[in-house]
């Protein structure tokens, strides 16, 4: 299923799971050797491994 999803790299995202659920961030790209993606929540220095379309999704706004 994941192969049919758009590439979230460099996109603004909404975090759906974990302690940053409901917060926005940016997807930095795919994690090495896995199906996870690296996401950095806004206002933090953290980089979290997350599953696209489960733990986070692309944020859709009028600007994109």
N, C-alpha and C. Protein backbone atom coordinates (compact mmCIF):
# COMPACT_ATOMS: atom_id res chain seq x y z
N UNK A 1 0.81 -1.19 0.00
CA UNK A 1 0.00 0.00 0.00
C UNK A 1 0.85 1.26 0.00
N UNK A 2 1.92 1.28 0.74
CA UNK A 2 2.73 2.48 0.88
C UNK A 2 3.30 2.96 -0.45
N UNK A 3 3.56 2.08 -1.40
CA UNK A 3 4.13 2.48 -2.67
C UNK A 3 3.19 3.38 -3.47
N UNK A 4 1.90 3.38 -3.17
CA UNK A 4 0.93 4.23 -3.86
C UNK A 4 0.81 5.61 -3.24
N UNK A 5 1.46 5.84 -2.13
CA UNK A 5 1.39 7.12 -1.43
C UNK A 5 2.40 8.10 -2.02
N UNK A 6 2.11 9.41 -1.95
CA UNK A 6 3.07 10.41 -2.42
C UNK A 6 4.31 10.44 -1.53
N UNK A 7 5.40 10.95 -2.05
CA UNK A 7 6.64 11.09 -1.29
C UNK A 7 6.50 12.30 -0.36
N UNK A 8 6.55 12.11 0.96
CA UNK A 8 6.37 13.23 1.88
C UNK A 8 7.66 14.02 2.16
N UNK A 9 8.78 13.62 1.56
CA UNK A 9 10.06 14.28 1.83
C UNK A 9 9.97 15.79 1.59
N UNK A 10 10.38 16.56 2.57
CA UNK A 10 10.40 18.01 2.46
C UNK A 10 9.04 18.68 2.64
N UNK A 11 8.01 17.90 2.89
CA UNK A 11 6.66 18.43 3.03
C UNK A 11 6.34 18.80 4.48
N UNK A 12 5.47 19.79 4.63
CA UNK A 12 4.91 20.09 5.94
C UNK A 12 3.98 18.94 6.29
N UNK A 13 4.03 18.48 7.53
CA UNK A 13 3.23 17.32 7.94
C UNK A 13 2.48 17.62 9.22
N UNK A 14 1.45 16.81 9.47
CA UNK A 14 0.74 16.81 10.73
C UNK A 14 1.03 15.48 11.41
N UNK A 15 1.42 15.54 12.66
CA UNK A 15 1.77 14.34 13.42
C UNK A 15 0.49 13.78 14.04
N UNK A 16 0.26 12.50 13.82
CA UNK A 16 -0.98 11.85 14.24
C UNK A 16 -0.83 10.97 15.48
N UNK A 17 0.39 10.64 15.87
CA UNK A 17 0.60 9.70 16.97
C UNK A 17 1.75 10.16 17.86
N UNK A 18 1.76 9.65 19.08
CA UNK A 18 2.85 9.95 20.00
C UNK A 18 2.65 11.25 20.75
N UNK A 19 3.69 11.67 21.44
CA UNK A 19 3.55 12.85 22.30
C UNK A 19 3.39 14.15 21.53
N UNK A 20 3.68 14.16 20.22
CA UNK A 20 3.50 15.36 19.40
C UNK A 20 2.24 15.29 18.54
N UNK A 21 1.34 14.36 18.84
CA UNK A 21 0.09 14.23 18.08
C UNK A 21 -0.64 15.58 18.03
N UNK A 22 -1.07 15.96 16.83
CA UNK A 22 -1.76 17.23 16.64
C UNK A 22 -0.84 18.38 16.30
N UNK A 23 0.46 18.17 16.39
CA UNK A 23 1.44 19.22 16.09
C UNK A 23 1.90 19.11 14.64
N UNK A 24 2.42 20.21 14.13
CA UNK A 24 2.96 20.23 12.78
C UNK A 24 4.47 20.03 12.82
N UNK A 25 5.02 19.66 11.67
CA UNK A 25 6.45 19.47 11.54
C UNK A 25 6.82 19.36 10.08
N UNK A 26 8.01 18.82 9.83
CA UNK A 26 8.48 18.63 8.46
C UNK A 26 9.06 17.23 8.33
N UNK A 27 8.81 16.61 7.17
CA UNK A 27 9.38 15.30 6.89
C UNK A 27 10.74 15.50 6.25
N UNK A 28 11.76 14.93 6.84
CA UNK A 28 13.13 15.11 6.36
C UNK A 28 13.55 14.07 5.34
N UNK A 29 12.78 13.00 5.20
CA UNK A 29 13.11 11.95 4.25
C UNK A 29 13.00 10.58 4.88
N UNK A 30 13.24 9.58 4.05
CA UNK A 30 13.11 8.19 4.50
C UNK A 30 14.27 7.80 5.41
N UNK A 31 13.96 7.04 6.45
CA UNK A 31 14.98 6.51 7.35
C UNK A 31 15.77 5.42 6.62
N UNK A 32 17.01 5.29 6.95
CA UNK A 32 17.88 4.30 6.31
C UNK A 32 17.40 2.89 6.62
N UNK A 33 17.23 2.10 5.57
CA UNK A 33 16.94 0.68 5.72
C UNK A 33 15.61 0.31 6.32
N UNK A 34 14.59 1.16 6.15
CA UNK A 34 13.31 0.80 6.74
C UNK A 34 12.14 1.46 6.04
N UNK A 35 10.98 1.22 6.59
CA UNK A 35 9.77 1.80 6.02
C UNK A 35 9.36 3.08 6.75
N UNK A 36 10.20 3.52 7.68
CA UNK A 36 9.89 4.72 8.44
C UNK A 36 10.49 5.96 7.76
N UNK A 37 9.95 7.09 8.15
CA UNK A 37 10.41 8.39 7.67
C UNK A 37 10.86 9.21 8.87
N UNK A 38 11.79 10.12 8.65
CA UNK A 38 12.28 10.97 9.73
C UNK A 38 11.48 12.28 9.73
N UNK A 39 10.86 12.58 10.87
CA UNK A 39 10.01 13.75 11.02
C UNK A 39 10.54 14.61 12.16
N UNK A 40 10.61 15.91 11.91
CA UNK A 40 11.03 16.85 12.95
C UNK A 40 9.85 17.74 13.32
N UNK A 41 9.34 17.60 14.55
CA UNK A 41 8.24 18.46 14.99
C UNK A 41 8.72 19.91 15.09
N UNK A 42 7.82 20.85 14.76
CA UNK A 42 8.15 22.28 14.91
C UNK A 42 8.52 22.59 16.35
N UNK A 43 9.36 23.58 16.52
CA UNK A 43 9.79 24.09 17.83
C UNK A 43 10.55 23.07 18.67
N UNK A 44 11.15 22.06 18.01
CA UNK A 44 11.99 21.11 18.72
C UNK A 44 13.25 20.86 17.90
N UNK A 45 14.23 20.25 18.53
CA UNK A 45 15.43 19.81 17.83
C UNK A 45 15.38 18.30 17.59
N UNK A 46 14.24 17.69 17.86
CA UNK A 46 14.11 16.24 17.76
C UNK A 46 13.84 15.79 16.32
N UNK A 47 14.32 14.61 16.02
CA UNK A 47 14.03 13.94 14.75
C UNK A 47 13.51 12.57 15.11
N UNK A 48 12.27 12.29 14.71
CA UNK A 48 11.58 11.07 15.12
C UNK A 48 11.32 10.15 13.93
N UNK A 49 11.56 8.84 14.09
CA UNK A 49 11.17 7.90 13.04
C UNK A 49 9.67 7.65 13.13
N UNK A 50 8.97 7.80 11.99
CA UNK A 50 7.52 7.63 11.98
C UNK A 50 7.08 6.93 10.71
N UNK A 51 5.92 6.29 10.78
CA UNK A 51 5.36 5.59 9.63
C UNK A 51 4.37 6.53 8.93
N UNK A 52 4.62 6.76 7.63
CA UNK A 52 3.76 7.64 6.84
C UNK A 52 2.37 7.03 6.71
N UNK A 53 1.35 7.85 6.83
CA UNK A 53 -0.06 7.48 6.72
C UNK A 53 -0.54 6.67 7.92
N UNK A 54 0.30 6.60 8.94
CA UNK A 54 -0.10 5.97 10.20
C UNK A 54 0.24 6.91 11.35
N UNK A 55 1.52 7.32 11.43
CA UNK A 55 1.97 8.23 12.49
C UNK A 55 1.95 9.69 12.07
N UNK A 56 1.97 9.95 10.76
CA UNK A 56 1.92 11.32 10.27
C UNK A 56 1.34 11.34 8.86
N UNK A 57 0.88 12.52 8.44
CA UNK A 57 0.33 12.71 7.10
C UNK A 57 0.78 14.06 6.56
N UNK A 58 0.65 14.24 5.26
CA UNK A 58 1.00 15.52 4.63
C UNK A 58 -0.04 16.55 5.02
N UNK A 59 0.43 17.72 5.44
CA UNK A 59 -0.44 18.81 5.82
C UNK A 59 -0.87 19.56 4.56
N UNK A 60 -2.15 19.66 4.34
CA UNK A 60 -2.68 20.34 3.16
C UNK A 60 -3.20 21.72 3.60
N UNK A 61 -2.67 22.75 2.94
CA UNK A 61 -3.09 24.13 3.22
C UNK A 61 -3.41 24.81 1.90
N UNK A 62 -3.88 26.00 1.96
CA UNK A 62 -4.15 26.78 0.74
C UNK A 62 -2.88 27.09 -0.02
N UNK A 63 -1.73 27.10 0.67
CA UNK A 63 -0.45 27.45 0.04
C UNK A 63 0.14 26.31 -0.77
N UNK A 64 -0.32 25.08 -0.57
CA UNK A 64 0.23 23.97 -1.34
C UNK A 64 -0.88 23.33 -2.09
